[in-house]
Amino acid sequence: MPSKLNYQPRRYDFPTELFTTWHWLIIPLGFSYTLRQIFFVKIVLAVALGSALGGILRYLISTWVDSKLDHPLPWGTVMVNVIGCLLIGLAAELTNAHGKWAMEAYWRSFLLLGILGGFTTFSSFSHQTLELFHLGEFLHASLNVILSVCLCLFSVYLGHLLGNHLNRII
């Protein structure tokens, strides 16, 4: 048995050993990668693709709703946030290891972090806060809500101030 100090993860040579539908997109020929490296890149690509799709959906739905309602409140954004929170809660439960539609990590990342995270980052924030509550981390969950809302609103305000300042000097 090899000692733990000398352990080297098994490397896979492309394309002979691990050819799947994603590998031709991400792995240059003639290189060798560990399974962990391949898995990481697959998850990153899944999240990136899902985020693009979620962002497009967010734009289409929110602009459509806003065009139908002539109101100063951005109802399209509110609707997207509420729908996104509902969907991420539903999908997180249905796709976890014990759910009815359990998914492999990269497909779950594609759906939860990618599509729904891109659809609305508010859904990710809400899901993480709920997870903290479920773990009994009431203080951390409360701090997450207070800090996220206050710091994000303050950051938007600072961004507006900085933008106004730059508009005047440029």
Protein backbone atom coordinates (compact mmCIF):
# COMPACT_ATOMS: atom_id res chain seq x y z
CA MET A 1 0.00 0.00 0.00
CA PRO A 2 1.46 3.40 -0.95
CA SER A 3 2.04 5.85 1.87
CA LYS A 4 -0.20 8.90 2.04
CA LEU A 5 2.79 11.19 1.60
CA ASN A 6 3.62 9.69 -1.79
CA TYR A 7 0.04 9.48 -3.03
CA GLN A 8 -0.53 10.93 -6.48
CA PRO A 9 -4.07 11.11 -7.89
CA ARG A 10 -4.62 8.96 -10.94
CA ARG A 11 -4.28 10.94 -14.15
CA TYR A 12 -6.43 10.26 -17.18
CA ASP A 13 -5.14 10.67 -20.69
CA PHE A 14 -7.47 12.32 -23.12
CA PRO A 15 -9.22 11.05 -25.22
CA THR A 16 -8.63 7.37 -24.63
CA GLU A 17 -10.03 6.95 -21.11
CA LEU A 18 -12.65 9.52 -20.20
CA PHE A 19 -14.35 10.71 -23.34
CA THR A 20 -17.77 12.20 -22.62
CA THR A 21 -19.83 14.78 -24.42
CA TRP A 22 -18.25 17.67 -22.50
CA HIS A 23 -14.59 16.77 -22.72
CA TRP A 24 -14.04 17.77 -26.34
CA LEU A 25 -15.11 21.30 -25.33
CA ILE A 26 -12.74 21.74 -22.42
CA ILE A 27 -9.68 19.53 -22.68
CA PRO A 28 -6.92 20.17 -25.21
CA LEU A 29 -5.54 17.03 -26.82
CA GLY A 30 -2.30 15.61 -25.53
CA PHE A 31 -2.78 16.68 -21.90
CA SER A 32 -3.46 14.58 -18.85
CA TYR A 33 -5.94 15.57 -16.13
CA THR A 34 -7.11 14.21 -12.81
CA LEU A 35 -10.73 13.24 -12.48
CA ARG A 36 -11.14 16.04 -9.92
CA GLN A 37 -9.90 18.64 -12.43
CA ILE A 38 -12.26 17.37 -15.10
CA PHE A 39 -15.20 17.38 -12.67
CA PHE A 40 -14.40 20.96 -11.56
CA VAL A 41 -14.30 22.25 -15.14
CA LYS A 42 -17.56 20.48 -15.96
CA ILE A 43 -19.27 22.17 -12.99
CA VAL A 44 -17.87 25.59 -13.91
CA LEU A 45 -19.15 25.22 -17.48
CA ALA A 46 -22.52 23.96 -16.26
CA VAL A 47 -22.93 26.98 -13.96
CA ALA A 48 -21.80 29.39 -16.69
CA LEU A 49 -24.24 27.99 -19.25
CA GLY A 50 -27.08 27.87 -16.73
CA SER A 51 -26.37 31.45 -15.61
CA ALA A 52 -26.60 32.66 -19.19
CA LEU A 53 -29.94 30.93 -19.65
CA GLY A 54 -31.25 32.19 -16.30
CA GLY A 55 -30.17 35.75 -17.07
CA ILE A 56 -31.94 35.66 -20.42
CA LEU A 57 -35.11 34.34 -18.77
CA ARG A 58 -34.90 37.04 -16.08
CA TYR A 59 -34.62 39.75 -18.72
CA LEU A 60 -37.44 38.42 -20.88
CA ILE A 61 -39.89 37.87 -18.03
CA SER A 62 -39.18 41.07 -16.11
CA THR A 63 -39.34 43.30 -19.18
CA TRP A 64 -42.53 41.61 -20.38
CA VAL A 65 -44.24 42.06 -16.99
CA ASP A 66 -43.03 45.67 -16.70
CA SER A 67 -44.32 46.43 -20.20
CA LYS A 68 -47.77 45.15 -19.23
CA LEU A 69 -47.94 47.14 -15.98
CA ASP A 70 -47.37 50.86 -16.05
CA HIS A 71 -46.28 51.25 -12.43
CA PRO A 72 -43.24 52.82 -10.73
CA LEU A 73 -42.60 49.65 -8.69
CA PRO A 74 -40.51 47.18 -10.75
CA TRP A 75 -43.08 44.41 -10.62
CA GLY A 76 -41.15 42.36 -13.16
CA THR A 77 -38.15 42.16 -10.85
CA VAL A 78 -40.34 41.44 -7.83
CA MET A 79 -42.09 38.67 -9.78
CA VAL A 80 -38.80 37.16 -10.96
CA ASN A 81 -37.40 37.23 -7.41
CA VAL A 82 -40.48 35.58 -5.91
CA ILE A 83 -40.73 32.97 -8.67
CA GLY A 84 -36.97 32.30 -8.45
CA CYS A 85 -37.17 31.81 -4.69
CA LEU A 86 -40.08 29.41 -5.07
CA LEU A 87 -38.30 27.45 -7.81
CA ILE A 88 -34.95 27.22 -6.03
CA GLY A 89 -36.64 25.95 -2.87
CA LEU A 90 -38.60 23.39 -4.86
CA ALA A 91 -35.64 22.30 -6.99
CA ALA A 92 -33.26 22.10 -4.01
CA GLU A 93 -35.57 19.64 -2.29
CA LEU A 94 -36.47 17.59 -5.36
CA THR A 95 -32.90 17.24 -6.64
CA ASN A 96 -30.99 16.57 -3.42
CA ALA A 97 -29.57 13.10 -2.72
CA HIS A 98 -32.86 11.97 -1.13
CA GLY A 99 -35.18 13.81 -3.50
CA LYS A 100 -37.49 12.36 -6.11
CA TRP A 101 -35.31 13.72 -8.92
CA ALA A 102 -31.84 13.34 -7.41
CA MET A 103 -29.21 14.71 -9.77
CA GLU A 104 -25.48 14.43 -10.21
CA ALA A 105 -23.55 17.41 -8.86
CA TYR A 106 -22.94 19.12 -12.19
CA TRP A 107 -26.59 18.87 -13.28
CA ARG A 108 -27.72 20.15 -9.89
CA SER A 109 -25.20 23.00 -10.15
CA PHE A 110 -26.47 23.75 -13.66
CA LEU A 111 -30.04 24.05 -12.35
CA LEU A 112 -29.62 25.62 -8.89
CA LEU A 113 -26.52 27.78 -9.21
CA GLY A 114 -26.70 28.33 -12.94
CA ILE A 115 -30.25 28.71 -14.21
CA LEU A 116 -31.96 29.73 -10.96
CA GLY A 117 -28.96 31.66 -9.63
CA GLY A 118 -28.75 33.51 -12.94
CA PHE A 119 -32.51 33.99 -12.96
CA THR A 120 -32.32 35.72 -9.60
CA THR A 121 -29.48 35.91 -7.12
CA PHE A 122 -32.14 36.67 -4.55
CA SER A 123 -33.23 33.03 -4.76
CA SER A 124 -29.71 31.86 -3.87
CA PHE A 125 -29.58 34.29 -0.95
CA SER A 126 -32.99 33.12 0.30
CA HIS A 127 -32.09 29.45 -0.04
CA GLN A 128 -28.82 29.89 1.86
CA THR A 129 -30.62 31.78 4.62
CA LEU A 130 -33.24 29.05 4.92
CA GLU A 131 -30.48 26.43 5.11
CA LEU A 132 -28.92 28.34 8.01
CA PHE A 133 -32.29 28.38 9.78
CA HIS A 134 -32.69 24.63 9.19
CA LEU A 135 -29.26 24.05 10.71
CA GLY A 136 -30.33 26.00 13.79
CA GLU A 137 -27.94 28.86 12.97
CA PHE A 138 -30.49 31.56 13.80
CA LEU A 139 -27.91 34.24 14.53
CA HIS A 140 -26.04 33.56 11.28
CA ALA A 141 -29.27 33.46 9.29
CA SER A 142 -30.40 36.76 10.80
CA LEU A 143 -27.01 38.34 10.20
CA ASN A 144 -27.11 37.07 6.61
CA VAL A 145 -30.44 38.83 6.06
CA ILE A 146 -29.48 42.06 7.81
CA LEU A 147 -25.98 42.30 6.33
CA SER A 148 -27.03 41.28 2.83
CA VAL A 149 -29.93 43.71 2.59
CA CYS A 150 -28.20 46.63 4.32
CA LEU A 151 -24.80 46.17 2.67
CA CYS A 152 -26.29 45.60 -0.78
CA LEU A 153 -28.53 48.66 -0.52
CA PHE A 154 -25.61 50.72 0.76
CA SER A 155 -23.41 49.39 -2.06
CA VAL A 156 -25.99 50.34 -4.65
CA TYR A 157 -26.15 53.82 -3.09
CA LEU A 158 -22.33 54.11 -3.16
CA GLY A 159 -22.32 52.90 -6.75
CA HIS A 160 -24.81 55.60 -7.67
CA LEU A 161 -22.72 58.25 -5.90
CA LEU A 162 -19.56 57.07 -7.63
CA GLY A 163 -21.33 56.93 -10.99
CA ASN A 164 -22.70 60.45 -10.55
CA HIS A 165 -19.25 61.69 -9.58
CA LEU A 166 -17.61 59.99 -12.56
CA ASN A 167 -20.27 61.37 -14.89
CA ARG A 168 -19.37 64.88 -13.77
CA ILE A 169 -15.59 64.54 -14.06
CA ILE A 170 -15.35 62.50 -17.24
